Amino acid sequence: MSTPEDDTVDQRADFGEIVEALRLTKSRVALLERQLEHVRSQRGQALAQARANLEKQTHELNQLRQQLAELGSMRDAALAANRAKSNFLATMSHELRTPLNAIIGYTELMREESSDLDHPHIRARLLPDLAKINHAAQHLVWVINDVLDLAKIEAGRAEVHLEDFDLQEMVQALVATIGPAMHKNGNTLRTEQQPGLTQVRADKPKLRQSILNLLSNAAKFTQDGEVTLRTRTLDDGLKEWLEISVQDTGIGVPQQKIETLFDAYTQADATTSKVYGGSGLGLAISRQFCRMLGGDITAVSEVGAGSTFTIRVPNLRTDAEEPMPTWTGETGRGYSVLVIDDDPTAHELLRRILTREGFEVHTATNGGEGLRMAEDLDPDVITLDVMMPGMDGWTVLSALKQDSELERIPVVMLTMVSEPEFASKLGADGYITKPVKRSELLDVLARFVGKHHADAP
């Protein structure tokens, strides 16, 4: 049996336990409060950091929007500048080619007429000078063509237009064209052509320009040396390739600088353009053209020993295709040509070229007059310029090909605008880019005169 003293001891022990429990509870509460405060602090910091990040992202987003707006404005300005550049180049091309067309045309006529003179001394003095004038004018045309071709490539407007042509005839024409440049530096030009290689299928203007660029470089960088133009075909089992190489014995190029030659406005050395001249566009354009045709240009060179540049493009010909006719002395007598062009000089040049071959020539100074004369005269062939005031050549061509009475008349485009693909889609039967060469014009007309002669009883 417990005494009051024992009860008091038990009560004190219980009270002590309660106090200890309360103390522990208070400690736990304090710990929890500290943990809670820490959590609140971390949460606050996290929220502050999140708010700061959000503000930063919002600022960056606003900056990005501003940059996008600026880029949009810059893009619009660049497109406007590109359109202005294209318009400027087209205008300058027209302004430059118009007098060059007259210079080249009249010098060719004067060379022909001088050849008929009975005074050999006069011929000996005139012909070389006329050849120099013609070569200088042709050089300006090459520069203009290079600038326009590069602008087309950069704008993505260059297209491939395949046609069948005689490679040997093109090589002969290129040899005649580059001849003065070769002779100027005392060089000898040789050609090595694979026997039987005649008819090929490719983009003739692009291939011709590429070869001419290689020949021009070889003539320029070779002095009293030799240049060799080789043509052959290769078969890799999948397709036939046309390979054209130009080898020279000129100054050569360091191997590490060969690839830079194919960059626009670039030459092997900073002093090269000062010594030899040139725009540095020829090889860049030639490589772009060859790649558009599914091929490429490669080069090997040794300083002081010369260089070899090789074009390799697919030859897409078919054996059943007939070669295009060329002018071999047929007479144009009995055939009429209507010339539609707003340039009086073009009228005079074409009249003198064609009348010498027997053609009857009529001229119209604008599209409307040309359509009326086509209806009245019913010519055998129409030559048509594109850039004319009022009704342009494309409109005239469409009107001719949509007229049931006139659509049968062959239309040959004679223009400074290089759009043969578009002309073909509209129904043009031939396309020559000014300045017009007599031989090229007569070769085109041979398609129709030759056909008429063949059909004649």
Protein backbone atom coordinates (compact mmCIF):
# COMPACT_ATOMS: atom_id res chain seq x y z
CA MET A 1 0.00 0.00 0.00
CA SER A 2 1.43 3.37 -1.21
CA THR A 3 1.95 6.27 1.06
CA PRO A 4 1.28 9.95 0.27
CA GLU A 5 4.98 10.42 -0.12
CA ASP A 6 5.15 7.74 -2.78
CA ASP A 7 2.28 9.37 -4.68
CA THR A 8 4.06 12.71 -4.57
CA VAL A 9 7.23 11.14 -6.00
CA ASP A 10 5.26 9.49 -8.79
CA GLN A 11 3.49 12.72 -9.61
CA ARG A 12 6.78 14.57 -9.76
CA ALA A 13 8.17 11.90 -12.09
CA ASP A 14 5.15 12.16 -14.35
CA PHE A 15 5.41 15.95 -14.33
CA GLY A 16 9.07 15.73 -15.22
CA GLU A 17 8.27 13.47 -18.12
CA ILE A 18 5.59 15.89 -19.30
CA VAL A 19 8.00 18.80 -19.02
CA GLU A 20 10.63 16.86 -20.93
CA ALA A 21 8.06 15.90 -23.54
CA LEU A 22 6.99 19.54 -23.83
CA ARG A 23 10.62 20.60 -24.14
CA LEU A 24 11.23 18.06 -26.86
CA THR A 25 8.04 19.09 -28.60
CA LYS A 26 9.09 22.72 -28.38
CA SER A 27 12.48 21.81 -29.84
CA ARG A 28 10.81 19.92 -32.66
CA VAL A 29 8.45 22.84 -33.27
CA ALA A 30 11.41 25.21 -33.36
CA LEU A 31 13.20 22.90 -35.78
CA LEU A 32 10.14 22.65 -37.94
CA GLU A 33 9.78 26.42 -37.88
CA ARG A 34 13.40 26.80 -38.95
CA GLN A 35 12.92 24.24 -41.70
CA LEU A 36 9.74 25.95 -42.78
CA GLU A 37 11.51 29.30 -42.80
CA HIS A 38 14.32 27.76 -44.85
CA VAL A 39 11.81 26.32 -47.28
CA ARG A 40 10.06 29.69 -47.48
CA SER A 41 13.40 31.37 -48.07
CA GLN A 42 14.37 28.90 -50.80
CA ARG A 43 10.93 29.21 -52.35
CA GLY A 44 11.23 32.96 -52.32
CA GLN A 45 14.65 32.80 -53.91
CA ALA A 46 13.36 30.34 -56.48
CA LEU A 47 10.39 32.58 -57.23
CA ALA A 48 12.68 35.59 -57.45
CA GLN A 49 15.02 33.67 -59.76
CA ALA A 50 12.08 32.46 -61.84
CA ARG A 51 10.76 36.01 -62.03
CA ALA A 52 14.20 37.25 -63.04
CA ASN A 53 14.48 34.49 -65.66
CA LEU A 54 11.03 35.31 -66.98
CA GLU A 55 11.91 38.98 -67.21
CA LYS A 56 15.17 38.08 -68.96
CA GLN A 57 13.39 35.76 -71.38
CA THR A 58 10.74 38.39 -72.00
CA HIS A 59 13.50 40.91 -72.71
CA GLU A 60 15.30 38.48 -75.01
CA LEU A 61 12.02 37.67 -76.76
CA ASN A 62 11.38 41.36 -77.32
CA GLN A 63 14.91 41.75 -78.62
CA LEU A 64 14.40 38.75 -80.92
CA ARG A 65 11.15 40.22 -82.19
CA GLN A 66 12.95 43.49 -82.83
CA GLN A 67 15.78 41.67 -84.62
CA LEU A 68 13.27 39.72 -86.70
CA ALA A 69 11.56 42.95 -87.64
CA GLU A 70 14.92 44.46 -88.54
CA LEU A 71 15.86 41.35 -90.52
CA GLY A 72 12.53 41.54 -92.33
CA SER A 73 13.23 45.13 -93.21
CA MET A 74 16.75 44.21 -94.29
CA ARG A 75 15.38 41.34 -96.39
CA ASP A 76 12.88 43.66 -98.06
CA ALA A 77 15.64 46.17 -98.66
CA ALA A 78 17.91 43.44 -100.06
CA LEU A 79 15.15 42.20 -102.37
CA ALA A 80 14.49 45.75 -103.50
CA ALA A 81 18.22 46.29 -104.03
CA ASN A 82 18.46 43.02 -105.95
CA ARG A 83 15.54 44.05 -108.17
CA ALA A 84 17.16 47.44 -108.67
CA LYS A 85 20.45 45.72 -109.52
CA SER A 86 18.74 43.43 -112.01
CA ASN A 87 16.95 46.38 -113.60
CA PHE A 88 20.20 48.34 -113.68
CA LEU A 89 22.09 45.45 -115.27
CA ALA A 90 19.34 44.93 -117.84
CA THR A 91 19.29 48.63 -118.67
CA MET A 92 23.08 48.89 -118.86
CA SER A 93 23.21 45.73 -120.94
CA HIS A 94 20.79 47.26 -123.42
CA GLU A 95 22.64 50.57 -123.47
CA LEU A 96 26.03 48.90 -123.95
CA ARG A 97 25.01 46.19 -126.38
CA THR A 98 23.18 48.58 -128.71
CA PRO A 99 26.35 50.41 -129.82
CA LEU A 100 28.39 47.18 -129.61
CA ASN A 101 25.91 45.51 -131.93
CA ALA A 102 26.51 48.29 -134.46
CA ILE A 103 30.30 48.19 -134.01
CA ILE A 104 30.54 44.42 -134.46
CA GLY A 105 28.02 44.32 -137.29
CA TYR A 106 29.59 47.12 -139.30
CA THR A 107 33.15 45.88 -138.79
CA GLU A 108 32.13 42.45 -140.09
CA LEU A 109 30.52 44.08 -143.14
CA MET A 110 33.58 46.27 -143.70
CA ARG A 111 35.88 43.24 -143.44
CA GLU A 112 33.84 41.43 -146.08
CA GLU A 113 33.72 44.44 -148.35
CA SER A 114 37.43 45.15 -147.84
CA SER A 115 38.22 41.59 -148.84
CA ASP A 116 36.63 42.31 -152.24
CA LEU A 117 38.81 45.36 -152.94
CA ASP A 118 41.26 45.23 -155.82
CA HIS A 119 43.93 47.06 -153.83
CA PRO A 120 45.98 44.55 -151.79
CA HIS A 121 47.79 47.30 -149.92
CA ILE A 122 44.51 48.77 -148.70
CA ARG A 123 43.30 45.31 -147.69
CA ALA A 124 46.53 44.69 -145.82
CA ARG A 125 46.06 47.90 -143.84
CA LEU A 126 42.30 47.74 -143.25
CA LEU A 127 41.69 44.10 -142.39
CA PRO A 128 44.03 43.89 -139.36
CA ASP A 129 42.63 47.13 -137.94
CA LEU A 130 39.05 45.97 -138.43
CA ALA A 131 39.93 42.66 -136.78
CA LYS A 132 41.29 44.54 -133.76
CA ILE A 133 38.13 46.67 -133.51
CA ASN A 134 35.97 43.57 -133.75
CA HIS A 135 38.00 41.73 -131.11
CA ALA A 136 37.85 44.68 -128.71
CA ALA A 137 34.08 44.90 -129.11
CA GLN A 138 33.72 41.14 -128.63
CA HIS A 139 35.78 41.41 -125.44
CA LEU A 140 33.34 43.98 -124.06
CA VAL A 141 30.47 41.67 -124.93
CA TRP A 142 32.19 38.84 -122.98
CA VAL A 143 32.52 41.05 -119.93
CA ILE A 144 28.86 42.10 -120.13
CA ASN A 145 27.78 38.48 -120.55
CA ASP A 146 29.87 37.39 -117.53
CA VAL A 147 28.31 40.03 -115.27
CA LEU A 148 24.78 39.20 -116.42
CA ASP A 149 25.36 35.44 -116.15
CA LEU A 150 26.67 35.77 -112.59
CA ALA A 151 23.68 37.95 -111.64
CA LYS A 152 21.34 35.29 -113.04
CA ILE A 153 23.10 32.51 -111.16
CA GLU A 154 23.01 34.45 -107.88
CA ALA A 155 19.32 35.21 -108.38
CA GLY A 156 18.54 31.56 -109.15
CA ARG A 157 17.16 32.43 -112.58
CA ALA A 158 19.68 30.52 -114.69
CA GLU A 159 18.11 27.54 -116.44
CA VAL A 160 19.37 24.67 -118.58
CA HIS A 161 18.17 24.51 -122.17
CA LEU A 162 19.31 21.36 -123.99
CA GLU A 163 19.74 21.28 -127.75
CA ASP A 164 21.48 19.19 -130.39
CA PHE A 165 24.45 20.73 -132.20
CA ASP A 166 27.63 19.92 -134.07
CA LEU A 167 30.56 20.04 -131.65
CA GLN A 168 33.15 20.34 -134.43
CA GLU A 169 31.43 23.42 -135.84
CA MET A 170 31.31 24.99 -132.39
CA VAL A 171 35.02 24.26 -131.88
CA GLN A 172 35.83 25.84 -135.26
CA ALA A 173 33.82 28.94 -134.34
CA LEU A 174 35.58 29.18 -130.97
CA VAL A 175 38.99 28.88 -132.64
CA ALA A 176 38.08 31.73 -134.99
CA THR A 177 36.79 33.83 -132.09
CA ILE A 178 39.82 33.37 -129.85
CA GLY A 179 42.33 33.57 -132.71
CA PRO A 180 43.18 37.29 -132.31
CA ALA A 181 43.83 36.86 -128.57
CA MET A 182 46.12 33.90 -129.28
CA HIS A 183 48.07 35.76 -131.96
CA LYS A 184 48.40 38.83 -129.75
CA ASN A 185 50.62 36.88 -127.31
CA GLY A 186 52.36 34.84 -130.00
CA ASN A 187 50.62 31.60 -129.07
CA THR A 188 49.83 28.60 -131.23
CA LEU A 189 46.38 27.01 -130.83
CA ARG A 190 46.04 23.31 -131.64
CA THR A 191 42.89 21.19 -131.59
CA GLU A 192 42.68 17.44 -131.01
CA GLN A 193 39.21 16.05 -131.65
CA GLN A 194 38.06 12.49 -131.24
CA PRO A 195 37.29 11.01 -134.69
CA GLY A 196 33.59 10.73 -135.34
CA LEU A 197 32.64 13.04 -132.47
CA THR A 198 30.21 15.48 -134.07
CA GLN A 199 26.63 15.57 -132.84
CA VAL A 200 26.19 16.22 -129.11
CA ARG A 201 23.35 17.29 -126.85
CA ALA A 202 23.86 19.89 -124.11
CA ASP A 203 23.17 23.52 -123.30
CA LYS A 204 25.12 24.99 -126.20
CA PRO A 205 25.42 28.63 -124.97
CA LYS A 206 26.59 27.58 -121.50
CA LEU A 207 29.06 25.00 -122.83
CA ARG A 208 30.39 27.43 -125.46
CA GLN A 209 30.82 30.18 -122.87
CA SER A 210 32.64 27.81 -120.52
CA ILE A 211 35.09 26.69 -123.22
CA LEU A 212 35.60 30.26 -124.40
CA ASN A 213 36.44 31.33 -120.84
CA LEU A 214 39.08 28.59 -120.60
CA LEU A 215 40.57 29.49 -123.98
CA SER A 216 40.58 33.19 -123.09
CA ASN A 217 42.47 32.49 -119.86
CA ALA A 218 44.95 30.25 -121.65
CA ALA A 219 45.61 32.92 -124.29
CA LYS A 220 46.01 35.61 -121.64
CA PHE A 221 48.38 33.74 -119.30
CA THR A 222 50.56 32.16 -122.00
CA GLN A 223 53.27 34.04 -123.92
CA ASP A 224 54.86 32.62 -127.08
CA GLY A 225 53.61 29.21 -126.08
CA GLU A 226 51.12 26.56 -127.08
CA VAL A 227 47.46 26.00 -126.21
CA THR A 228 45.75 22.70 -126.98
CA LEU A 229 41.98 22.16 -127.08
CA ARG A 230 40.98 18.49 -126.81
CA THR A 231 37.52 16.94 -127.12
CA ARG A 232 36.49 13.34 -126.52
CA THR A 233 33.75 11.19 -125.00
CA LEU A 234 33.99 8.75 -122.10
CA ASP A 235 31.60 5.98 -121.05
CA ASP A 236 31.55 4.93 -117.38
CA GLY A 237 28.91 2.27 -117.92
CA LEU A 238 26.09 4.48 -116.69
CA LYS A 239 26.24 7.43 -119.07
CA GLU A 240 28.34 8.98 -121.78
CA TRP A 241 30.44 11.98 -120.77
CA LEU A 242 31.70 14.78 -122.96
CA GLU A 243 35.22 15.81 -121.91
CA ILE A 244 36.79 19.04 -123.15
CA SER A 245 40.21 20.11 -121.91
CA VAL A 246 42.30 23.23 -122.49
CA GLN A 247 46.03 22.79 -121.86
CA ASP A 248 48.53 25.65 -121.97
CA THR A 249 52.23 26.21 -121.42
CA GLY A 250 51.70 29.45 -119.51
CA ILE A 251 52.65 30.80 -116.09
CA GLY A 252 50.82 28.12 -114.12
CA VAL A 253 49.17 28.34 -110.70
CA PRO A 254 50.34 27.05 -107.29
CA GLN A 255 48.44 23.87 -106.45
CA GLN A 256 47.12 25.30 -103.15
CA LYS A 257 45.50 28.20 -104.99
CA ILE A 258 43.70 26.29 -107.72
CA GLU A 259 40.34 26.02 -105.94
CA THR A 260 40.28 29.76 -105.19
CA LEU A 261 40.34 30.41 -108.94
CA PHE A 262 36.74 29.25 -109.11
CA ASP A 263 35.59 31.93 -106.64
CA ALA A 264 33.97 35.01 -108.17
CA TYR A 265 36.20 38.08 -108.57
CA THR A 266 39.22 35.99 -107.50
CA GLN A 267 42.53 35.44 -109.28
CA ALA A 268 45.61 33.50 -108.28
CA ASP A 269 47.52 36.59 -107.16
CA ALA A 270 46.51 40.12 -106.23
CA THR A 271 48.80 41.48 -108.96
CA THR A 272 47.38 39.21 -111.66
CA SER A 273 44.55 41.52 -112.67
CA LYS A 274 46.94 44.47 -112.85
CA VAL A 275 49.33 42.63 -115.17
CA TYR A 276 46.94 40.53 -117.25
CA GLY A 277 43.56 42.21 -116.74
CA GLY A 278 40.27 40.40 -116.34
CA SER A 279 37.30 40.49 -114.00
CA GLY A 280 37.88 37.14 -112.26
CA LEU A 281 34.38 35.93 -113.20
CA GLY A 282 35.06 33.52 -116.05
CA LEU A 283 36.04 30.41 -114.11
CA ALA A 284 33.39 30.95 -111.41
CA ILE A 285 30.65 31.17 -114.05
CA SER A 286 32.06 28.24 -116.04
CA ARG A 287 32.03 25.96 -112.99
CA GLN A 288 28.46 27.01 -112.12
CA PHE A 289 27.37 26.30 -115.71
CA CYS A 290 29.04 22.89 -115.79
CA ARG A 291 27.52 21.90 -112.46
CA MET A 292 24.10 22.97 -113.72
CA LEU A 293 24.67 20.58 -116.65
CA GLY A 294 25.44 17.74 -114.23
CA GLY A 295 29.23 17.92 -114.53
CA ASP A 296 32.13 19.99 -113.26
CA ILE A 297 35.49 21.61 -114.09
CA THR A 298 38.78 20.37 -112.65
CA ALA A 299 42.26 21.81 -112.94
CA VAL A 300 45.87 20.76 -112.55
CA SER A 301 48.75 23.18 -112.77
CA GLU A 302 52.44 23.70 -112.15
CA VAL A 303 54.06 27.09 -111.73
CA GLY A 304 56.10 27.92 -114.79
CA ALA A 305 54.95 24.82 -116.70
CA GLY A 306 51.32 25.59 -117.48
CA SER A 307 47.81 24.45 -116.61
CA THR A 308 45.13 22.05 -117.81
CA PHE A 309 41.46 22.78 -117.18
CA THR A 310 39.01 19.98 -117.95
CA ILE A 311 35.26 20.23 -118.48
CA ARG A 312 33.25 17.04 -118.07
CA VAL A 313 29.49 17.09 -118.65
CA PRO A 314 26.95 14.42 -119.65
CA ASN A 315 26.40 13.96 -123.38
CA LEU A 316 22.67 13.34 -123.66
CA ARG A 317 22.47 12.83 -127.42
CA THR A 318 20.53 10.08 -129.17
CA ASP A 319 21.93 8.43 -132.30
CA ALA A 320 18.74 9.00 -134.25
CA GLU A 321 18.95 12.77 -134.14
CA GLU A 322 19.83 14.63 -137.33
CA PRO A 323 22.48 17.38 -137.35
CA MET A 324 21.24 20.93 -137.68
CA PRO A 325 21.79 22.44 -141.16
CA THR A 326 24.33 25.22 -141.66
CA TRP A 327 24.66 27.90 -144.31
CA THR A 328 26.74 26.40 -147.13
CA GLY A 329 26.19 28.96 -149.87
CA GLU A 330 22.44 28.55 -150.42
CA THR A 331 20.86 31.59 -151.94
CA GLY A 332 18.12 33.49 -150.21
CA ARG A 333 16.74 34.64 -153.55
CA GLY A 334 13.00 34.23 -153.66
CA TYR A 335 12.66 34.38 -149.85
CA SER A 336 11.51 37.33 -147.79
CA VAL A 337 12.46 38.27 -144.23
CA LEU A 338 10.49 40.67 -142.04
CA VAL A 339 12.67 42.41 -139.45
CA ILE A 340 10.72 43.70 -136.41
CA ASP A 341 13.03 45.92 -134.35
CA ASP A 342 12.86 49.46 -132.99
CA ASP A 343 16.58 50.10 -133.67
CA PRO A 344 17.26 51.65 -137.13
CA THR A 345 20.87 50.42 -136.94
CA ALA A 346 19.62 46.84 -136.61
CA HIS A 347 17.47 47.38 -139.70
CA GLU A 348 20.43 48.59 -141.72
CA LEU A 349 22.77 45.81 -140.57
CA LEU A 350 20.30 43.01 -141.24
CA ARG A 351 19.32 44.51 -144.58
CA ARG A 352 22.93 44.64 -145.74
CA ILE A 353 23.72 41.13 -144.46
CA LEU A 354 20.64 39.49 -145.93
CA THR A 355 20.42 41.32 -149.25
CA ARG A 356 23.98 40.18 -150.02
CA GLU A 357 22.61 36.63 -149.82
CA GLY A 358 19.62 37.41 -152.04
CA PHE A 359 16.89 37.80 -149.39
CA GLU A 360 14.15 40.37 -149.79
CA VAL A 361 14.12 42.37 -146.54
CA HIS A 362 11.22 44.34 -145.01
CA THR A 363 11.44 46.26 -141.74
CA ALA A 364 8.98 47.29 -139.01
CA THR A 365 9.86 49.68 -136.18
CA ASN A 366 7.39 48.38 -133.56
CA GLY A 367 5.27 45.37 -132.67
CA GLY A 368 1.96 46.65 -133.98
CA GLU A 369 3.44 47.60 -137.34
CA GLY A 370 5.20 44.23 -137.47
CA LEU A 371 1.94 42.30 -137.00
CA ARG A 372 0.23 44.31 -139.72
CA MET A 373 3.12 43.79 -142.14
CA ALA A 374 3.20 40.07 -141.35
CA GLU A 375 -0.46 39.82 -142.38
CA ASP A 376 0.06 41.87 -145.55
CA LEU A 377 3.42 40.45 -146.72
CA ASP A 378 3.24 36.83 -145.52
CA PRO A 379 7.06 36.65 -145.17
CA ASP A 380 9.02 33.40 -145.20
CA VAL A 381 10.83 34.26 -141.94
CA ILE A 382 10.38 36.88 -139.20
CA THR A 383 13.20 38.19 -137.01
CA LEU A 384 11.94 39.73 -133.78
CA ASP A 385 13.48 41.89 -131.07
CA VAL A 386 12.18 41.71 -127.47
CA MET A 387 12.85 45.10 -125.91
CA MET A 388 10.58 47.43 -127.89
CA PRO A 389 8.40 50.29 -126.61
CA GLY A 390 4.68 49.69 -126.42
CA MET A 391 4.22 46.10 -127.53
CA ASP A 392 7.30 44.04 -126.63
CA GLY A 393 8.60 41.06 -128.56
CA TRP A 394 7.05 38.45 -126.26
CA THR A 395 3.60 39.92 -126.91
CA VAL A 396 4.24 39.98 -130.66
CA LEU A 397 5.49 36.37 -130.62
CA SER A 398 2.39 35.22 -128.72
CA ALA A 399 0.13 37.06 -131.16
CA LEU A 400 1.91 35.50 -134.16
CA LYS A 401 1.69 31.96 -132.78
CA GLN A 402 -1.97 32.35 -131.82
CA ASP A 403 -2.98 33.52 -135.30
CA SER A 404 -4.05 30.59 -137.49
CA GLU A 405 -2.75 32.35 -140.63
CA LEU A 406 0.61 33.47 -139.21
CA GLU A 407 1.59 30.66 -136.83
CA ARG A 408 3.32 28.70 -139.61
CA ILE A 409 5.86 31.52 -140.25
CA PRO A 410 9.20 30.75 -138.54
CA VAL A 411 10.11 33.39 -135.95
CA VAL A 412 13.76 33.94 -134.99
CA MET A 413 14.36 36.05 -131.89
CA LEU A 414 17.22 38.56 -132.33
CA THR A 415 17.56 40.26 -128.98
CA MET A 416 19.82 41.33 -126.14
CA VAL A 417 17.60 39.48 -123.65
CA SER A 418 18.97 36.01 -122.85
CA GLU A 419 15.77 34.01 -122.39
CA PRO A 420 15.85 31.18 -124.96
CA GLU A 421 13.85 28.82 -122.73
CA PHE A 422 10.99 31.29 -122.41
CA ALA A 423 11.10 32.02 -126.14
CA SER A 424 10.90 28.30 -126.92
CA LYS A 425 7.86 27.92 -124.68
CA LEU A 426 6.14 30.73 -126.58
CA GLY A 427 6.86 29.03 -129.90
CA ALA A 428 10.01 30.74 -131.22
CA ASP A 429 11.78 28.75 -133.95
CA GLY A 430 15.24 30.21 -133.34
CA TYR A 431 17.10 32.40 -130.87
CA ILE A 432 20.18 34.61 -131.33
CA THR A 433 21.53 36.96 -128.69
CA LYS A 434 22.80 40.31 -129.93
CA PRO A 435 25.33 41.33 -131.10
CA VAL A 436 24.28 39.30 -134.15
CA LYS A 437 26.99 37.45 -136.05
CA ARG A 438 26.47 37.04 -139.77
CA SER A 439 27.45 33.36 -139.78
CA GLU A 440 25.16 32.53 -136.85
CA LEU A 441 22.20 34.32 -138.43
CA LEU A 442 22.69 32.58 -141.78
CA ASP A 443 23.03 29.18 -140.07
CA VAL A 444 19.67 29.69 -138.38
CA LEU A 445 18.07 30.80 -141.64
CA ALA A 446 19.54 27.72 -143.34
CA ARG A 447 17.04 25.61 -141.37
CA PHE A 448 14.19 27.24 -143.26
CA VAL A 449 15.80 28.02 -146.63
CA GLY A 450 17.30 24.53 -146.76
CA LYS A 451 13.91 23.01 -145.98
CA HIS A 452 12.22 25.11 -148.66
CA HIS A 453 14.85 24.08 -151.20
CA ALA A 454 14.43 20.44 -150.25
CA ASP A 455 10.64 20.68 -150.57
CA ALA A 456 10.80 22.50 -153.88
CA PRO A 457 9.86 20.44 -156.96
